[in-house]
Amino acid sequence: MCCKTTCCKAMRRKAVYRKTICSFIFTGILFSMPAFADDLLIAAGAGYRQFVEALTKDFKDQNDVNVERTYGNMGQVAAQVKMGTGIQLVVGDHRYLSTSGVNYMDYHTVGEGKLVLAWREGLKLASPDALRDAERFARIALPDTEKAVYGRAGSEYLQRSGLDTAIDDERLLKVGTVPQATTYVASGDVDAGFINLTDAKANAERLGGYMVLDDHHEPIRIVAATTATHSEDNVVRRFITYTKSDKAHDIATAHGL
């Protein structure tokens, strides 16, 4: 009888022990699982890659979240949002986003975009009027005028400054995005190109020079737009609050916004 009692007690102790171990293992699994609810997916115009990378890195350093980023021209970004890919925030030009057919809930200003005229190494340019010289500036890169804000702004600049009468379509190399235009200028495949200040600053050592073009185009308001199905996500609200901080403002300024 005593033996049976001892055995029963031992079995009960083993059962409790197994339950305790299982409990610790399960708790460990829970704590080791990623916090999917705090993941953030941001899409942005390709010309703002450097800015968004710096912004999201600082945000991640201050918050225990995982931030995924995707880039392209704004037409590509709009298509991704419409496909329901889970994008929660889009960084880009307000004028394009507000007319893209995508149901954005809120627009939060993160900076003012700056149109830039850049030229290749070996050339000097004192004024945009130098583009009239077809021998020195035979090829000029221009991003997509419908899907890239700086392509549209560059086209507006040419028209409103009167330079379009001196630069025919054969001299314009139309590319998809700002980074593509920058690459063509930096490689010397074109003589000049319309890009943004963010990309110009990031590639200054590869360029012959650049100048900011403040006039002859519509203002460029860069915003963080929340998609309708994710506007109330906790991580989205935290990121929007972060964009209003002094550190975020400093990062925007450093990247030409």
Foldseek 3Di string as FASTA:
>chain_A
DVVVVVVVVVVVVVVVVVVVVVVVVVVVVVVPDDPVLQEAEEEEEPQCPVLVVVLVVVVVVVDVYHYHYYYFFQLVVLVCVVVVVPHFKYKFFPVCVVPVPAAFDDWAFLDWWWKKKFFAAPDDDPDPVVCLPCVQFVAEEAEDCNRHVQNVQVVLQCVQVVVPVSDDPNRYDYHHHQVVRVVCRLVVVGGMYMHIQLVCLVCVVSTNDMDTDPDRGDITTITMTGHPVNCPRPNNVVSSVSSPDPVVNVSCVSRRD
